[in-house]
Amino acid sequence: MRTAFRTASLPASPPPRLASLLSPALTLTLNCPLPPPPPPPNPSLLPPPLLFFEDFRHQLDESGSVRERIRSVVMEMEAAARLVHSSLLLVHQSLPVLEVLEKTKLQIEVIKGLFGRLAEILRERPDQYYRYHGDWRSETQTVVSLLAFLHWLETGSLLMHTEAEKKLGCESQFASRKCEMDLTLPVDSSEFGLDIEDYLIGLCFMSNELPRYVVNQVTAGDYDCPRKVLKFLTDLHAAFRMLNLRNDFLRKKLMYDLRRVEEVYYDVKIRGLASTESTQDETAQA
């Protein structure tokens, strides 16, 4: 009896009568649609203390929707900035500057259009510029550093704040008021423009490219490049020393880039490779 019980196996399928009883129930369960979600509570039926939380929920939903729209634009801006940076890397291979500038023009226009889209989104949320500013702050600093390096390659001078705003197409209304000579009007927090701190940090990031550029130019035979870059970074570092920056690491990073360029310049000068013009300029300054 015990052996027969152990070797017995269950039937492969339930008896026909049991299957006929279970099949309709299973079919009904599978075909039954899911119940609809419960409707949101009626604000009129909520107790007075909870009415405030209903307003908070509505504001948070709207804020989340705005952030999603901003985030989609920022992702496109980040991709365009990567393309500009990849084109700028060609300048370290002794590619002509005009050719490098031509390669970056299209993406700069794309970035300008993306800043315009951000301005349109922010117009729907007046007086809340700095509430969402952190969502695109890092990308703005990167773009400013690229624009400043492009501007230096083209002109050999520093990219000013107003020039950066013009390149990005985000001139604030306060700038237009200054053009109208009406300086008594206050700055509106709803204006979309280039934040000064983002501009300054972007300039510090721009200095990272200059030591590498100097080394490659000296390798290519341009022995006067270290002198030009050294003068530019020295003036820029002196200007930053006038500011009381909260992030002192950036100023130290700028000083580190300056020292790297100084080492290249002194090496060129000791080897007697400096041009006669640079030697005459140093004698005149002394």
C-alpha atoms as a PDB file:
ATOM      1  CA  MET A   1       0.000   0.000   0.000  1.00  0.00           C
ATOM      2  CA  ARG A   2       2.754   2.486   0.900  1.00  0.00           C
ATOM      3  CA  THR A   3       4.731   1.673  -2.263  1.00  0.00           C
ATOM      4  CA  ALA A   4       1.691   1.982  -4.474  1.00  0.00           C
ATOM      5  CA  PHE A   5       0.841   5.338  -2.921  1.00  0.00           C
ATOM      6  CA  ARG A   6       4.335   6.701  -3.568  1.00  0.00           C
ATOM      7  CA  THR A   7       4.436   5.694  -7.207  1.00  0.00           C
ATOM      8  CA  ALA A   8       1.017   7.042  -8.003  1.00  0.00           C
ATOM      9  CA  SER A   9       1.045  10.222 -10.110  1.00  0.00           C
ATOM     10  CA  LEU A  10      -1.458  12.991 -10.495  1.00  0.00           C
ATOM     11  CA  PRO A  11      -3.457  13.056 -13.697  1.00  0.00           C
ATOM     12  CA  ALA A  12      -2.008  15.265 -16.430  1.00  0.00           C
ATOM     13  CA  SER A  13      -5.244  17.253 -16.654  1.00  0.00           C
ATOM     14  CA  PRO A  14      -8.249  17.679 -14.392  1.00  0.00           C
ATOM     15  CA  PRO A  15     -11.318  15.543 -15.029  1.00  0.00           C
ATOM     16  CA  PRO A  16     -13.582  16.873 -17.792  1.00  0.00           C
ATOM     17  CA  ARG A  17     -16.313  17.797 -15.375  1.00  0.00           C
ATOM     18  CA  LEU A  18     -13.923  19.821 -13.189  1.00  0.00           C
ATOM     19  CA  ALA A  19     -12.386  21.476 -16.267  1.00  0.00           C
ATOM     20  CA  SER A  20     -15.813  22.516 -17.488  1.00  0.00           C
ATOM     21  CA  LEU A  21     -16.461  24.127 -14.139  1.00  0.00           C
ATOM     22  CA  LEU A  22     -13.136  26.001 -13.934  1.00  0.00           C
ATOM     23  CA  SER A  23     -12.765  27.201 -17.512  1.00  0.00           C
ATOM     24  CA  PRO A  24     -15.587  29.773 -17.503  1.00  0.00           C
ATOM     25  CA  ALA A  25     -14.334  31.257 -14.240  1.00  0.00           C
ATOM     26  CA  LEU A  26     -10.780  31.551 -15.534  1.00  0.00           C
ATOM     27  CA  THR A  27     -11.976  33.026 -18.810  1.00  0.00           C
ATOM     28  CA  LEU A  28     -14.116  35.555 -16.979  1.00  0.00           C
ATOM     29  CA  THR A  29     -11.172  36.560 -14.775  1.00  0.00           C
ATOM     30  CA  LEU A  30      -8.801  37.043 -17.717  1.00  0.00           C
ATOM     31  CA  ASN A  31     -11.271  39.013 -19.802  1.00  0.00           C
ATOM     32  CA  CYS A  32     -12.412  41.267 -16.981  1.00  0.00           C
ATOM     33  CA  PRO A  33     -10.986  44.848 -17.432  1.00  0.00           C
ATOM     34  CA  LEU A  34      -9.063  46.488 -14.629  1.00  0.00           C
ATOM     35  CA  PRO A  35     -11.056  48.791 -12.408  1.00  0.00           C
ATOM     36  CA  PRO A  36     -10.605  52.497 -13.170  1.00  0.00           C
ATOM     37  CA  PRO A  37      -8.390  54.510 -10.814  1.00  0.00           C
ATOM     38  CA  PRO A  38     -10.184  56.357  -8.073  1.00  0.00           C
ATOM     39  CA  PRO A  39     -11.075  59.939  -8.965  1.00  0.00           C
ATOM     40  CA  PRO A  40      -9.145  62.736  -7.269  1.00  0.00           C
ATOM     41  CA  PRO A  41     -10.760  64.108  -4.169  1.00  0.00           C
ATOM     42  CA  ASN A  42     -13.187  66.933  -4.642  1.00  0.00           C
ATOM     43  CA  PRO A  43     -11.566  70.067  -3.173  1.00  0.00           C
ATOM     44  CA  SER A  44     -14.941  71.299  -1.991  1.00  0.00           C
ATOM     45  CA  LEU A  45     -15.317  68.202   0.196  1.00  0.00           C
ATOM     46  CA  LEU A  46     -11.898  68.489   1.817  1.00  0.00           C
ATOM     47  CA  PRO A  47     -11.559  69.944   5.296  1.00  0.00           C
ATOM     48  CA  PRO A  48     -10.132  73.500   5.346  1.00  0.00           C
ATOM     49  CA  PRO A  49      -6.604  72.528   6.487  1.00  0.00           C
ATOM     50  CA  LEU A  50      -6.216  70.153   3.534  1.00  0.00           C
ATOM     51  CA  LEU A  51      -7.209  72.758   0.959  1.00  0.00           C
ATOM     52  CA  PHE A  52      -3.697  74.203   1.218  1.00  0.00           C
ATOM     53  CA  PHE A  53      -2.202  70.834   0.340  1.00  0.00           C
ATOM     54  CA  GLU A  54      -4.440  70.628  -2.711  1.00  0.00           C
ATOM     55  CA  ASP A  55      -2.955  73.917  -3.898  1.00  0.00           C
ATOM     56  CA  PHE A  56       0.529  72.579  -3.153  1.00  0.00           C
ATOM     57  CA  ARG A  57      -0.167  69.474  -5.231  1.00  0.00           C
ATOM     58  CA  HIS A  58      -1.301  71.594  -8.144  1.00  0.00           C
ATOM     59  CA  GLN A  59       1.788  73.818  -7.948  1.00  0.00           C
ATOM     60  CA  LEU A  60       4.144  70.843  -7.725  1.00  0.00           C
ATOM     61  CA  ASP A  61       2.528  69.225 -10.762  1.00  0.00           C
ATOM     62  CA  GLU A  62       2.966  72.399 -12.785  1.00  0.00           C
ATOM     63  CA  SER A  63       6.564  72.804 -11.618  1.00  0.00           C
ATOM     64  CA  GLY A  64       7.363  69.212 -12.547  1.00  0.00           C
ATOM     65  CA  SER A  65       5.921  69.729 -16.024  1.00  0.00           C
ATOM     66  CA  VAL A  66       8.052  72.851 -16.526  1.00  0.00           C
ATOM     67  CA  ARG A  67      11.176  71.036 -15.356  1.00  0.00           C
ATOM     68  CA  GLU A  68      10.548  68.215 -17.805  1.00  0.00           C
ATOM     69  CA  ARG A  69      10.333  70.686 -20.673  1.00  0.00           C
ATOM     70  CA  ILE A  70      13.508  72.431 -19.515  1.00  0.00           C
ATOM     71  CA  ARG A  71      15.305  69.111 -19.125  1.00  0.00           C
ATOM     72  CA  SER A  72      14.532  68.103 -22.719  1.00  0.00           C
ATOM     73  CA  VAL A  73      16.006  71.391 -23.995  1.00  0.00           C
ATOM     74  CA  VAL A  74      19.055  71.045 -21.752  1.00  0.00           C
ATOM     75  CA  MET A  75      19.778  67.572 -23.118  1.00  0.00           C
ATOM     76  CA  GLU A  76      19.843  68.974 -26.651  1.00  0.00           C
ATOM     77  CA  MET A  77      22.070  71.821 -25.472  1.00  0.00           C
ATOM     78  CA  GLU A  78      24.502  69.366 -23.903  1.00  0.00           C
ATOM     79  CA  ALA A  79      24.704  67.369 -27.136  1.00  0.00           C
ATOM     80  CA  ALA A  80      25.355  70.507 -29.200  1.00  0.00           C
ATOM     81  CA  ALA A  81      28.066  71.624 -26.758  1.00  0.00           C
ATOM     82  CA  ARG A  82      29.803  68.262 -27.133  1.00  0.00           C
ATOM     83  CA  LEU A  83      29.864  68.714 -30.910  1.00  0.00           C
ATOM     84  CA  VAL A  84      31.370  72.191 -30.532  1.00  0.00           C
ATOM     85  CA  HIS A  85      34.020  70.856 -28.166  1.00  0.00           C
ATOM     86  CA  SER A  86      34.907  68.012 -30.523  1.00  0.00           C
ATOM     87  CA  SER A  87      35.361  70.534 -33.329  1.00  0.00           C
ATOM     88  CA  LEU A  88      37.509  72.726 -31.093  1.00  0.00           C
ATOM     89  CA  LEU A  89      39.853  69.824 -30.417  1.00  0.00           C
ATOM     90  CA  LEU A  90      41.014  70.103 -34.024  1.00  0.00           C
ATOM     91  CA  VAL A  91      42.781  73.353 -33.166  1.00  0.00           C
ATOM     92  CA  HIS A  92      45.276  71.341 -31.116  1.00  0.00           C
ATOM     93  CA  GLN A  93      46.265  69.538 -34.320  1.00  0.00           C
ATOM     94  CA  SER A  94      47.491  72.789 -35.899  1.00  0.00           C
ATOM     95  CA  LEU A  95      44.369  73.063 -38.038  1.00  0.00           C
ATOM     96  CA  PRO A  96      43.809  76.627 -39.338  1.00  0.00           C
ATOM     97  CA  VAL A  97      41.731  78.679 -36.924  1.00  0.00           C
ATOM     98  CA  LEU A  98      39.346  79.888 -39.622  1.00  0.00           C
ATOM     99  CA  GLU A  99      38.531  76.309 -40.546  1.00  0.00           C
ATOM    100  CA  VAL A 100      37.827  75.446 -36.909  1.00  0.00           C
ATOM    101  CA  LEU A 101      35.578  78.484 -36.506  1.00  0.00           C
ATOM    102  CA  GLU A 102      33.671  77.514 -39.631  1.00  0.00           C
ATOM    103  CA  LYS A 103      33.013  74.020 -38.268  1.00  0.00           C
ATOM    104  CA  THR A 104      31.510  75.392 -35.057  1.00  0.00           C
ATOM    105  CA  LYS A 105      29.190  78.027 -36.538  1.00  0.00           C
ATOM    106  CA  LEU A 106      26.288  75.670 -37.169  1.00  0.00           C
ATOM    107  CA  GLN A 107      26.249  74.257 -33.649  1.00  0.00           C
ATOM    108  CA  ILE A 108      26.572  77.727 -32.121  1.00  0.00           C
ATOM    109  CA  GLU A 109      23.396  78.715 -33.951  1.00  0.00           C
ATOM    110  CA  VAL A 110      21.714  75.562 -32.637  1.00  0.00           C
ATOM    111  CA  ILE A 111      22.695  76.485 -29.063  1.00  0.00           C
ATOM    112  CA  LYS A 112      21.404  80.012 -29.627  1.00  0.00           C
ATOM    113  CA  GLY A 113      18.037  78.608 -30.674  1.00  0.00           C
ATOM    114  CA  LEU A 114      17.915  76.360 -27.602  1.00  0.00           C
ATOM    115  CA  PHE A 115      18.458  79.353 -25.322  1.00  0.00           C
ATOM    116  CA  GLY A 116      15.546  80.985 -27.115  1.00  0.00           C
ATOM    117  CA  ARG A 117      13.366  77.985 -26.293  1.00  0.00           C
ATOM    118  CA  LEU A 118      14.383  78.232 -22.639  1.00  0.00           C
ATOM    119  CA  ALA A 119      13.410  81.898 -22.657  1.00  0.00           C
ATOM    120  CA  GLU A 120       9.957  81.009 -24.043  1.00  0.00           C
ATOM    121  CA  ILE A 121       9.417  78.443 -21.280  1.00  0.00           C
ATOM    122  CA  LEU A 122      10.486  80.907 -18.594  1.00  0.00           C
ATOM    123  CA  ARG A 123       8.076  83.553 -19.889  1.00  0.00           C
ATOM    124  CA  GLU A 124       5.258  81.278 -18.765  1.00  0.00           C
ATOM    125  CA  ARG A 125       6.645  81.363 -15.207  1.00  0.00           C
ATOM    126  CA  PRO A 126       7.330  85.030 -14.474  1.00  0.00           C
ATOM    127  CA  ASP A 127       9.458  85.948 -11.469  1.00  0.00           C
ATOM    128  CA  GLN A 128      10.746  82.358 -11.184  1.00  0.00           C
ATOM    129  CA  TYR A 129      13.971  82.519 -13.205  1.00  0.00           C
ATOM    130  CA  TYR A 130      16.250  81.514 -10.328  1.00  0.00           C
ATOM    131  CA  ARG A 131      13.904  78.733  -9.272  1.00  0.00           C
ATOM    132  CA  TYR A 132      14.735  76.803 -12.456  1.00  0.00           C
ATOM    133  CA  HIS A 133      18.136  78.335 -13.170  1.00  0.00           C
ATOM    134  CA  GLY A 134      20.007  75.363 -11.696  1.00  0.00           C
ATOM    135  CA  ASP A 135      18.550  73.040 -14.342  1.00  0.00           C
ATOM    136  CA  TRP A 136      20.707  74.548 -17.112  1.00  0.00           C
ATOM    137  CA  ARG A 137      23.452  76.267 -15.118  1.00  0.00           C
ATOM    138  CA  SER A 138      26.189  73.683 -15.711  1.00  0.00           C
ATOM    139  CA  GLU A 139      25.512  73.554 -19.448  1.00  0.00           C
ATOM    140  CA  THR A 140      25.580  77.364 -19.636  1.00  0.00           C
ATOM    141  CA  GLN A 141      29.008  77.479 -18.016  1.00  0.00           C
ATOM    142  CA  THR A 142      30.309  74.921 -20.500  1.00  0.00           C
ATOM    143  CA  VAL A 143      28.906  76.861 -23.446  1.00  0.00           C
ATOM    144  CA  VAL A 144      30.431  80.125 -22.180  1.00  0.00           C
ATOM    145  CA  SER A 145      33.841  78.476 -21.870  1.00  0.00           C
ATOM    146  CA  LEU A 146      33.613  77.258 -25.478  1.00  0.00           C
ATOM    147  CA  LEU A 147      32.489  80.665 -26.738  1.00  0.00           C
ATOM    148  CA  ALA A 148      35.277  82.397 -24.824  1.00  0.00           C
ATOM    149  CA  PHE A 149      37.906  80.087 -26.313  1.00  0.00           C
ATOM    150  CA  LEU A 150      36.498  80.583 -29.821  1.00  0.00           C
ATOM    151  CA  HIS A 151      36.481  84.337 -29.303  1.00  0.00           C
ATOM    152  CA  TRP A 152      40.094  84.301 -28.121  1.00  0.00           C
ATOM    153  CA  LEU A 153      41.182  82.230 -31.120  1.00  0.00           C
ATOM    154  CA  GLU A 154      39.476  84.699 -33.423  1.00  0.00           C
ATOM    155  CA  THR A 155      40.425  88.017 -31.803  1.00  0.00           C
ATOM    156  CA  GLY A 156      43.026  87.289 -29.114  1.00  0.00           C
ATOM    157  CA  SER A 157      40.922  89.186 -26.565  1.00  0.00           C
ATOM    158  CA  LEU A 158      38.521  88.392 -23.744  1.00  0.00           C
ATOM    159  CA  LEU A 159      34.861  87.662 -24.455  1.00  0.00           C
ATOM    160  CA  MET A 160      32.837  90.277 -22.600  1.00  0.00           C
ATOM    161  CA  HIS A 161      29.573  89.527 -20.814  1.00  0.00           C
ATOM    162  CA  THR A 162      27.434  91.522 -23.242  1.00  0.00           C
ATOM    163  CA  GLU A 163      29.116  89.823 -26.198  1.00  0.00           C
ATOM    164  CA  ALA A 164      28.413  86.396 -24.722  1.00  0.00           C
ATOM    165  CA  GLU A 165      24.756  87.307 -24.239  1.00  0.00           C
ATOM    166  CA  LYS A 166      24.560  88.473 -27.831  1.00  0.00           C
ATOM    167  CA  LYS A 167      26.096  85.238 -29.145  1.00  0.00           C
ATOM    168  CA  LEU A 168      23.582  83.226 -27.136  1.00  0.00           C
ATOM    169  CA  GLY A 169      20.655  85.450 -28.078  1.00  0.00           C
ATOM    170  CA  CYS A 170      19.658  85.964 -24.454  1.00  0.00           C
ATOM    171  CA  GLU A 171      20.077  89.698 -24.033  1.00  0.00           C
ATOM    172  CA  SER A 172      18.107  90.714 -20.978  1.00  0.00           C
ATOM    173  CA  GLN A 173      15.586  93.501 -20.938  1.00  0.00           C
ATOM    174  CA  PHE A 174      17.879  95.392 -18.590  1.00  0.00           C
ATOM    175  CA  ALA A 175      20.447  95.615 -21.397  1.00  0.00           C
ATOM    176  CA  SER A 176      17.843  97.175 -23.673  1.00  0.00           C
ATOM    177  CA  ARG A 177      16.940  99.645 -20.943  1.00  0.00           C
ATOM    178  CA  LYS A 178      20.581 100.683 -20.695  1.00  0.00           C
ATOM    179  CA  CYS A 179      20.590 101.271 -24.441  1.00  0.00           C
ATOM    180  CA  GLU A 180      17.609 103.532 -23.938  1.00  0.00           C
ATOM    181  CA  MET A 181      19.576 105.429 -21.250  1.00  0.00           C
ATOM    182  CA  ASP A 182      16.960 104.604 -18.630  1.00  0.00           C
ATOM    183  CA  LEU A 183      19.164 103.296 -15.842  1.00  0.00           C
ATOM    184  CA  THR A 184      16.716 104.074 -13.029  1.00  0.00           C
ATOM    185  CA  LEU A 185      14.537 101.007 -13.682  1.00  0.00           C
ATOM    186  CA  PRO A 186      15.292  98.011 -11.480  1.00  0.00           C
ATOM    187  CA  VAL A 187      16.317  94.612 -12.786  1.00  0.00           C
ATOM    188  CA  ASP A 188      13.348  92.250 -13.065  1.00  0.00           C
ATOM    189  CA  SER A 189      13.943  88.725 -11.788  1.00  0.00           C
ATOM    190  CA  SER A 190      11.770  87.347 -14.606  1.00  0.00           C
ATOM    191  CA  GLU A 191      14.236  88.432 -17.278  1.00  0.00           C
ATOM    192  CA  PHE A 192      16.117  85.689 -19.090  1.00  0.00           C
ATOM    193  CA  GLY A 193      19.793  86.487 -19.476  1.00  0.00           C
ATOM    194  CA  LEU A 194      23.293  85.215 -18.844  1.00  0.00           C
ATOM    195  CA  ASP A 195      23.982  85.027 -15.127  1.00  0.00           C
ATOM    196  CA  ILE A 196      27.207  86.799 -14.146  1.00  0.00           C
ATOM    197  CA  GLU A 197      28.458  83.884 -12.039  1.00  0.00           C
ATOM    198  CA  ASP A 198      27.929  81.484 -14.949  1.00  0.00           C
ATOM    199  CA  TYR A 199      29.897  83.851 -17.160  1.00  0.00           C
ATOM    200  CA  LEU A 200      32.816  84.076 -14.709  1.00  0.00           C
ATOM    201  CA  ILE A 201      32.948  80.324 -14.113  1.00  0.00           C
ATOM    202  CA  GLY A 202      32.864  79.762 -17.866  1.00  0.00           C
ATOM    203  CA  LEU A 203      35.937  81.997 -18.223  1.00  0.00           C
ATOM    204  CA  CYS A 204      37.771  79.914 -15.614  1.00  0.00           C
ATOM    205  CA  PHE A 205      36.908  76.733 -17.505  1.00  0.00           C
ATOM    206  CA  MET A 206      38.172  78.306 -20.736  1.00  0.00           C
ATOM    207  CA  SER A 207      41.688  78.616 -19.294  1.00  0.00           C
ATOM    208  CA  ASN A 208      41.939  74.804 -19.183  1.00  0.00           C
ATOM    209  CA  GLU A 209      42.397  74.662 -22.960  1.00  0.00           C
ATOM    210  CA  LEU A 210      45.166  77.254 -23.164  1.00  0.00           C
ATOM    211  CA  PRO A 211      48.139  75.299 -21.694  1.00  0.00           C
ATOM    212  CA  ARG A 212      47.546  72.428 -24.099  1.00  0.00           C
ATOM    213  CA  TYR A 213      47.126  74.878 -26.957  1.00  0.00           C
ATOM    214  CA  VAL A 214      50.444  76.546 -26.098  1.00  0.00           C
ATOM    215  CA  VAL A 215      52.347  73.248 -26.013  1.00  0.00           C
ATOM    216  CA  ASN A 216      50.960  72.168 -29.384  1.00  0.00           C
ATOM    217  CA  GLN A 217      51.686  75.543 -30.962  1.00  0.00           C
ATOM    218  CA  VAL A 218      55.292  75.484 -29.753  1.00  0.00           C
ATOM    219  CA  THR A 219      55.638  71.972 -31.135  1.00  0.00           C
ATOM    220  CA  ALA A 220      54.366  73.269 -34.479  1.00  0.00           C
ATOM    221  CA  GLY A 221      56.983  76.045 -34.458  1.00  0.00           C
ATOM    222  CA  ASP A 222      54.983  79.035 -33.150  1.00  0.00           C
ATOM    223  CA  TYR A 223      57.363  80.203 -30.409  1.00  0.00           C
ATOM    224  CA  ASP A 224      55.564  83.513 -29.895  1.00  0.00           C
ATOM    225  CA  CYS A 225      52.315  81.866 -28.790  1.00  0.00           C
ATOM    226  CA  PRO A 226      53.407  81.336 -25.144  1.00  0.00           C
ATOM    227  CA  ARG A 227      54.052  85.059 -24.711  1.00  0.00           C
ATOM    228  CA  LYS A 228      50.596  85.998 -26.025  1.00  0.00           C
ATOM    229  CA  VAL A 229      48.784  83.427 -23.912  1.00  0.00           C
ATOM    230  CA  LEU A 230      50.838  84.317 -20.837  1.00  0.00           C
ATOM    231  CA  LYS A 231      49.905  87.978 -21.139  1.00  0.00           C
ATOM    232  CA  PHE A 232      46.228  87.112 -21.596  1.00  0.00           C
ATOM    233  CA  LEU A 233      46.100  84.766 -18.594  1.00  0.00           C
ATOM    234  CA  THR A 234      48.068  87.185 -16.428  1.00  0.00           C
ATOM    235  CA  ASP A 235      45.562  89.966 -17.098  1.00  0.00           C
ATOM    236  CA  LEU A 236      42.642  87.588 -16.549  1.00  0.00           C
ATOM    237  CA  HIS A 237      44.072  86.319 -13.258  1.00  0.00           C
ATOM    238  CA  ALA A 238      44.663  89.883 -12.072  1.00  0.00           C
ATOM    239  CA  ALA A 239      41.048  90.727 -12.880  1.00  0.00           C
ATOM    240  CA  PHE A 240      39.750  87.713 -10.927  1.00  0.00           C
ATOM    241  CA  ARG A 241      41.798  88.713  -7.897  1.00  0.00           C
ATOM    242  CA  MET A 242      39.616  91.816  -7.679  1.00  0.00           C
ATOM    243  CA  LEU A 243      36.558  89.612  -7.054  1.00  0.00           C
ATOM    244  CA  ASN A 244      35.577  88.004  -3.774  1.00  0.00           C
ATOM    245  CA  LEU A 245      34.620  84.618  -5.173  1.00  0.00           C
ATOM    246  CA  ARG A 246      32.886  82.122  -2.947  1.00  0.00           C
ATOM    247  CA  ASN A 247      34.370  79.258  -4.967  1.00  0.00           C
ATOM    248  CA  ASP A 248      38.073  79.954  -4.538  1.00  0.00           C
ATOM    249  CA  PHE A 249      38.940  76.642  -6.219  1.00  0.00           C
ATOM    250  CA  LEU A 250      38.229  78.199  -9.618  1.00  0.00           C
ATOM    251  CA  ARG A 251      40.704  81.008  -9.026  1.00  0.00           C
ATOM    252  CA  LYS A 252      43.319  78.487  -7.895  1.00  0.00           C
ATOM    253  CA  LYS A 253      42.650  76.461 -11.044  1.00  0.00           C
ATOM    254  CA  LEU A 254      43.182  79.572 -13.148  1.00  0.00           C
ATOM    255  CA  MET A 255      46.467  80.220 -11.333  1.00  0.00           C
ATOM    256  CA  TYR A 256      47.545  76.619 -11.993  1.00  0.00           C
ATOM    257  CA  ASP A 257      46.900  77.053 -15.742  1.00  0.00           C
ATOM    258  CA  LEU A 258      48.859  80.304 -15.635  1.00  0.00           C
ATOM    259  CA  ARG A 259      51.866  78.568 -14.087  1.00  0.00           C
ATOM    260  CA  ARG A 260      51.797  75.841 -16.726  1.00  0.00           C
ATOM    261  CA  VAL A 261      51.949  78.461 -19.471  1.00  0.00           C
ATOM    262  CA  GLU A 262      54.743  80.257 -17.617  1.00  0.00           C
ATOM    263  CA  GLU A 263      56.813  77.069 -17.590  1.00  0.00           C
ATOM    264  CA  VAL A 264      56.443  76.690 -21.351  1.00  0.00           C
ATOM    265  CA  TYR A 265      57.326  80.328 -21.933  1.00  0.00           C
ATOM    266  CA  TYR A 266      60.427  80.204 -19.738  1.00  0.00           C
ATOM    267  CA  ASP A 267      61.542  77.009 -21.437  1.00  0.00           C
ATOM    268  CA  VAL A 268      61.211  78.641 -24.852  1.00  0.00           C
ATOM    269  CA  LYS A 269      63.037  81.743 -23.656  1.00  0.00           C
ATOM    270  CA  ILE A 270      65.932  79.819 -22.055  1.00  0.00           C
ATOM    271  CA  ARG A 271      66.461  77.848 -25.242  1.00  0.00           C
ATOM    272  CA  GLY A 272      66.668  81.090 -27.205  1.00  0.00           C
ATOM    273  CA  LEU A 273      63.601  80.306 -29.309  1.00  0.00           C
ATOM    274  CA  ALA A 274      61.627  83.416 -28.355  1.00  0.00           C
ATOM    275  CA  SER A 275      61.079  85.867 -31.171  1.00  0.00           C
ATOM    276  CA  THR A 276      62.912  89.177 -31.316  1.00  0.00           C
ATOM    277  CA  GLU A 277      59.602  91.052 -31.020  1.00  0.00           C
ATOM    278  CA  SER A 278      58.777  89.464 -27.669  1.00  0.00           C
ATOM    279  CA  THR A 279      62.244  90.285 -26.338  1.00  0.00           C
ATOM    280  CA  GLN A 280      61.873  93.914 -27.405  1.00  0.00           C
ATOM    281  CA  ASP A 281      58.436  94.113 -25.740  1.00  0.00           C
ATOM    282  CA  GLU A 282      59.836  92.814 -22.439  1.00  0.00           C
ATOM    283  CA  THR A 283      62.712  95.332 -22.625  1.00  0.00           C
ATOM    284  CA  ALA A 284      60.270  98.187 -23.241  1.00  0.00           C
ATOM    285  CA  GLN A 285      58.085  97.121 -20.294  1.00  0.00           C
ATOM    286  CA  ALA A 286      61.104  96.921 -18.027  1.00  0.00           C
END
